[in-house]
Amino acid sequence: MSLKASVLAAVLILGMDPTATALACGDGEAPTSCDDPSPNGFASWMLGRVDRALQSDKVRALQDFTDGARGFRTADTYVFCIGPDGVMSAHPSPILRGHDVRDLHDRTGNYFIRTMMEAAVPGQISVIRYLFPKPGSTVEEPKTTYYTRAGDQTCAVGVYDADAAAPAVATADGRVAQLRHRLDSQIPSSARADWTAFLEALNAQCDERATVIAQVRHDLNAAATALDQAGPKSVGGH
């Protein structure tokens, strides 16, 4: 089915939560420079993890991308994938997911999904620019998306130009990463072991919280899908 820009705007308002907790800049294995949207920065790191996850367990990987589980989402970025049939196989929005999105285009007539599907190459990160509303908005904004072919999937990570231009410390994650980096350089060697143990415990706590939130989001999306499939019914079931 064809999705138009007006439908897309409604999808973004109803189906996405831009405040999801996941692996943050500077946490775990994420690079501290993950605010950098260049192919050699956060995008290539994330897409590398996407490729490995799909090779390991495709079904689980696509679900993780959708749920933002196991670090596949930050406050500003998420992974989405399109199958060979043009159907969105992984996306935070339950309405976009499962639909043929090859006709999706911005107001300039840029059919960015088709372009990505045609140009994606395994082991190579390509770049495309187009206009797309931010979560919770109906206004299209310039966005740069990095994409690759992973198996039979075209997977991508996008960065809005406004976010890329903002200082790293302008976000909560950026401030935390900066503070942790500063403390890490000042901790005396005698306390290094305790400091490392503290960071590991903190990361584990964040991972547990992210898992819980991802499960809640998954359950809510499933409930919304079930309601959509059931269709409108009058009070009392008549």
Protein backbone atom coordinates (compact mmCIF):
# COMPACT_ATOMS: atom_id res chain seq x y z
CA MET A 1 0.00 0.00 0.00
CA SER A 2 1.15 3.62 -0.58
CA LEU A 3 1.90 5.89 2.36
CA LYS A 4 1.57 9.62 1.88
CA ALA A 5 3.19 12.42 3.83
CA SER A 6 0.00 13.29 5.71
CA VAL A 7 -0.36 9.71 6.93
CA LEU A 8 3.31 9.64 7.86
CA ALA A 9 2.93 12.71 10.05
CA ALA A 10 0.08 11.08 11.97
CA VAL A 11 2.11 7.91 12.34
CA LEU A 12 5.01 9.78 13.86
CA ILE A 13 2.76 11.52 16.37
CA LEU A 14 0.94 8.37 17.45
CA GLY A 15 3.55 5.69 17.13
CA MET A 16 6.88 6.96 18.42
CA ASP A 17 8.41 7.81 21.76
CA PRO A 18 11.57 9.90 21.31
CA THR A 19 12.49 9.59 25.01
CA ALA A 20 13.12 5.83 25.04
CA THR A 21 15.94 4.69 27.29
CA ALA A 22 18.66 2.75 25.54
CA LEU A 23 22.44 2.68 25.22
CA ALA A 24 23.53 6.26 25.64
CA CYS A 25 26.56 8.11 24.32
CA GLY A 26 29.58 7.04 26.35
CA ASP A 27 27.88 3.99 27.91
CA GLY A 28 28.85 0.37 27.38
CA GLU A 29 30.45 -0.23 24.00
CA ALA A 30 29.03 2.91 22.40
CA PRO A 31 31.75 5.38 21.38
CA THR A 32 31.93 8.59 23.39
CA SER A 33 31.82 10.44 20.06
CA CYS A 34 28.45 8.96 19.12
CA ASP A 35 27.01 12.45 18.65
CA ASP A 36 29.14 12.54 15.48
CA PRO A 37 26.83 11.46 12.63
CA SER A 38 29.62 10.83 10.12
CA PRO A 39 30.03 7.36 8.57
CA ASN A 40 33.13 6.88 10.72
CA GLY A 41 31.25 7.75 13.91
CA PHE A 42 28.06 6.55 15.56
CA ALA A 43 26.22 5.54 12.36
CA SER A 44 28.88 3.06 11.23
CA TRP A 45 29.17 1.67 14.76
CA MET A 46 25.41 1.12 14.98
CA LEU A 47 25.09 -0.36 11.48
CA GLY A 48 27.96 -2.74 12.24
CA ARG A 49 26.00 -4.03 15.22
CA VAL A 50 22.89 -4.30 13.05
CA ASP A 51 24.65 -6.52 10.52
CA ARG A 52 26.06 -8.82 13.22
CA ALA A 53 22.69 -9.08 14.98
CA LEU A 54 20.89 -10.05 11.76
CA GLN A 55 23.48 -12.71 11.00
CA SER A 56 23.13 -14.15 14.49
CA ASP A 57 19.32 -14.22 14.78
CA LYS A 58 17.29 -12.34 12.16
CA VAL A 59 13.91 -12.63 13.90
CA ARG A 60 15.20 -11.44 17.26
CA ALA A 61 17.29 -8.70 15.65
CA LEU A 62 14.35 -7.16 13.79
CA GLN A 63 12.33 -7.23 17.01
CA ASP A 64 15.19 -5.61 18.93
CA PHE A 65 15.45 -2.84 16.32
CA THR A 66 11.71 -2.24 16.62
CA ASP A 67 11.70 -2.26 20.43
CA GLY A 68 14.96 -0.33 20.81
CA ALA A 69 16.28 -3.22 22.93
CA ARG A 70 19.93 -4.19 23.47
CA GLY A 71 21.15 -0.67 22.74
CA PHE A 72 19.57 -0.26 19.31
CA ARG A 73 18.13 3.14 20.12
CA THR A 74 19.21 6.40 21.71
CA ALA A 75 17.24 9.53 22.47
CA ASP A 76 17.71 10.84 18.92
CA THR A 77 18.36 7.82 16.70
CA TYR A 78 16.83 4.46 15.91
CA VAL A 79 17.33 1.62 13.46
CA PHE A 80 14.82 0.81 10.74
CA CYS A 81 14.91 -1.92 8.09
CA ILE A 82 13.06 -2.64 4.86
CA GLY A 83 12.70 -6.15 3.46
CA PRO A 84 13.21 -7.10 -0.21
CA ASP A 85 9.47 -6.73 -0.81
CA GLY A 86 9.53 -3.08 0.28
CA VAL A 87 7.78 -3.83 3.57
CA MET A 88 9.10 -2.07 6.68
CA SER A 89 10.34 -5.02 8.73
CA ALA A 90 11.64 -3.02 11.71
CA HIS A 91 10.58 0.44 12.89
CA PRO A 92 9.44 1.98 16.20
CA SER A 93 6.08 2.93 14.65
CA PRO A 94 3.55 0.05 14.64
CA ILE A 95 1.75 1.68 11.70
CA LEU A 96 4.77 2.04 9.43
CA ARG A 97 5.97 -1.43 10.36
CA GLY A 98 4.49 -4.13 8.16
CA HIS A 99 3.56 -1.78 5.30
CA ASP A 100 5.02 -1.38 1.82
CA VAL A 101 6.89 1.92 2.04
CA ARG A 102 8.46 2.08 -1.41
CA ASP A 103 6.16 4.99 -2.35
CA LEU A 104 7.15 7.04 0.70
CA HIS A 105 8.56 10.41 -0.38
CA ASP A 106 9.11 13.91 0.95
CA ARG A 107 7.58 17.13 -0.37
CA THR A 108 10.39 17.53 -2.93
CA GLY A 109 9.43 14.23 -4.57
CA ASN A 110 12.44 12.37 -3.21
CA TYR A 111 11.52 8.64 -3.03
CA PHE A 112 14.22 7.93 -0.48
CA ILE A 113 13.13 4.37 0.39
CA ARG A 114 13.34 3.25 -3.24
CA THR A 115 16.75 4.89 -3.58
CA MET A 116 18.11 3.16 -0.49
CA MET A 117 16.80 -0.24 -1.58
CA GLU A 118 18.35 0.14 -5.03
CA ALA A 119 21.71 1.54 -3.89
CA ALA A 120 22.41 -0.40 -0.68
CA VAL A 121 25.54 -2.57 -0.85
CA PRO A 122 26.66 -5.19 1.73
CA GLY A 123 29.63 -4.02 3.80
CA GLN A 124 29.34 -0.45 2.56
CA ILE A 125 27.70 2.54 4.25
CA SER A 126 25.92 4.90 1.87
CA VAL A 127 24.40 8.30 2.62
CA ILE A 128 21.12 9.88 1.57
CA ARG A 129 19.48 13.18 2.49
CA TYR A 130 15.76 13.90 2.55
CA LEU A 131 13.04 15.73 4.51
CA PHE A 132 11.26 13.89 7.31
CA PRO A 133 9.22 14.98 10.38
CA LYS A 134 10.80 14.53 13.79
CA PRO A 135 8.87 12.37 16.29
CA GLY A 136 5.83 14.27 17.51
CA SER A 137 5.97 16.84 14.69
CA THR A 138 4.28 17.32 11.32
CA VAL A 139 7.02 19.61 9.96
CA GLU A 140 9.50 17.96 7.60
CA GLU A 141 13.13 18.69 8.51
CA PRO A 142 16.42 17.93 6.74
CA LYS A 143 17.71 14.51 7.70
CA THR A 144 20.84 12.56 6.80
CA THR A 145 20.48 8.79 6.82
CA TYR A 146 23.26 6.21 6.68
CA TYR A 147 22.28 2.84 5.28
CA THR A 148 23.62 -0.53 4.16
CA ARG A 149 22.53 -3.94 2.95
CA ALA A 150 22.49 -6.59 5.67
CA GLY A 151 21.45 -9.96 4.26
CA ASP A 152 18.16 -9.34 2.42
CA GLN A 153 17.43 -6.24 4.52
CA THR A 154 18.13 -2.59 3.81
CA CYS A 155 18.86 -1.09 7.24
CA ALA A 156 19.48 2.51 8.18
CA VAL A 157 20.24 4.96 10.98
CA GLY A 158 19.19 8.59 10.47
CA VAL A 159 20.35 11.85 12.04
CA TYR A 160 18.41 15.12 11.84
CA ASP A 161 20.60 18.03 10.76
CA ALA A 162 19.42 20.12 13.73
CA ASP A 163 20.56 17.41 16.16
CA ALA A 164 23.90 16.95 14.41
CA ALA A 165 24.61 20.69 14.58
CA ALA A 166 23.73 20.96 18.28
CA PRO A 167 26.59 20.85 20.80
CA ALA A 168 27.11 17.42 22.36
CA VAL A 169 26.58 18.80 25.85
CA ALA A 170 23.18 20.18 24.88
CA THR A 171 21.60 16.80 25.62
CA ALA A 172 21.36 14.99 28.94
CA ASP A 173 23.31 12.06 27.51
CA GLY A 174 26.01 14.42 26.31
CA ARG A 175 26.38 16.05 29.71
CA VAL A 176 26.57 12.67 31.45
CA ALA A 177 29.18 11.43 28.97
CA GLN A 178 31.26 14.58 29.45
CA LEU A 179 31.10 14.32 33.24
CA ARG A 180 32.03 10.64 33.24
CA HIS A 181 34.96 11.30 30.91
CA ARG A 182 36.20 14.08 33.19
CA LEU A 183 35.87 11.95 36.33
CA ASP A 184 37.51 8.97 34.63
CA SER A 185 40.61 11.04 33.93
CA GLN A 186 40.80 12.28 37.54
CA ILE A 187 40.14 9.10 39.54
CA PRO A 188 43.37 8.09 41.35
CA SER A 189 44.84 4.69 40.54
CA SER A 190 44.07 3.45 44.07
CA ALA A 191 40.35 3.92 43.43
CA ARG A 192 40.34 2.79 39.80
CA ALA A 193 38.96 -0.70 40.53
CA ASP A 194 36.06 0.68 42.59
CA TRP A 195 35.29 3.30 39.95
CA THR A 196 35.22 0.67 37.19
CA ALA A 197 32.94 -1.56 39.29
CA PHE A 198 30.61 1.39 39.87
CA LEU A 199 30.38 2.15 36.14
CA GLU A 200 29.68 -1.49 35.33
CA ALA A 201 26.91 -1.61 37.95
CA LEU A 202 25.45 1.64 36.60
CA ASN A 203 25.47 0.30 33.04
CA ALA A 204 23.79 -2.92 34.18
CA GLN A 205 21.06 -0.92 35.92
CA CYS A 206 20.47 1.15 32.78
CA ASP A 207 20.32 -2.00 30.64
CA GLU A 208 17.69 -3.51 32.96
CA ARG A 209 15.60 -0.35 32.78
CA ALA A 210 15.91 -0.26 28.99
CA THR A 211 14.75 -3.89 28.77
CA VAL A 212 11.68 -3.18 30.91
CA ILE A 213 10.76 -0.07 28.90
CA ALA A 214 11.24 -1.94 25.62
CA GLN A 215 8.94 -4.74 26.83
CA VAL A 216 6.27 -2.24 27.90
CA ARG A 217 6.49 -0.51 24.52
CA HIS A 218 6.22 -3.86 22.76
CA ASP A 219 3.11 -4.79 24.78
CA LEU A 220 1.49 -1.41 24.08
CA ASN A 221 2.21 -1.72 20.36
CA ALA A 222 0.74 -5.23 20.34
CA ALA A 223 -2.38 -3.99 22.12
CA ALA A 224 -2.75 -1.08 19.65
CA THR A 225 -2.38 -3.47 16.71
CA ALA A 226 -5.00 -5.82 18.19
CA LEU A 227 -7.42 -2.91 18.64
CA ASP A 228 -6.84 -1.75 15.06
CA GLN A 229 -7.51 -5.25 13.76
CA ALA A 230 -10.65 -5.59 15.86
CA GLY A 231 -12.09 -2.43 14.31
CA PRO A 232 -14.60 -0.01 15.85
CA LYS A 233 -17.29 -1.62 17.98
CA SER A 234 -20.19 -0.09 19.81
CA VAL A 235 -20.49 -0.14 23.56
CA GLY A 236 -21.62 -3.51 24.82
CA GLY A 237 -20.19 -5.35 21.79
CA HIS A 238 -23.26 -4.83 19.58
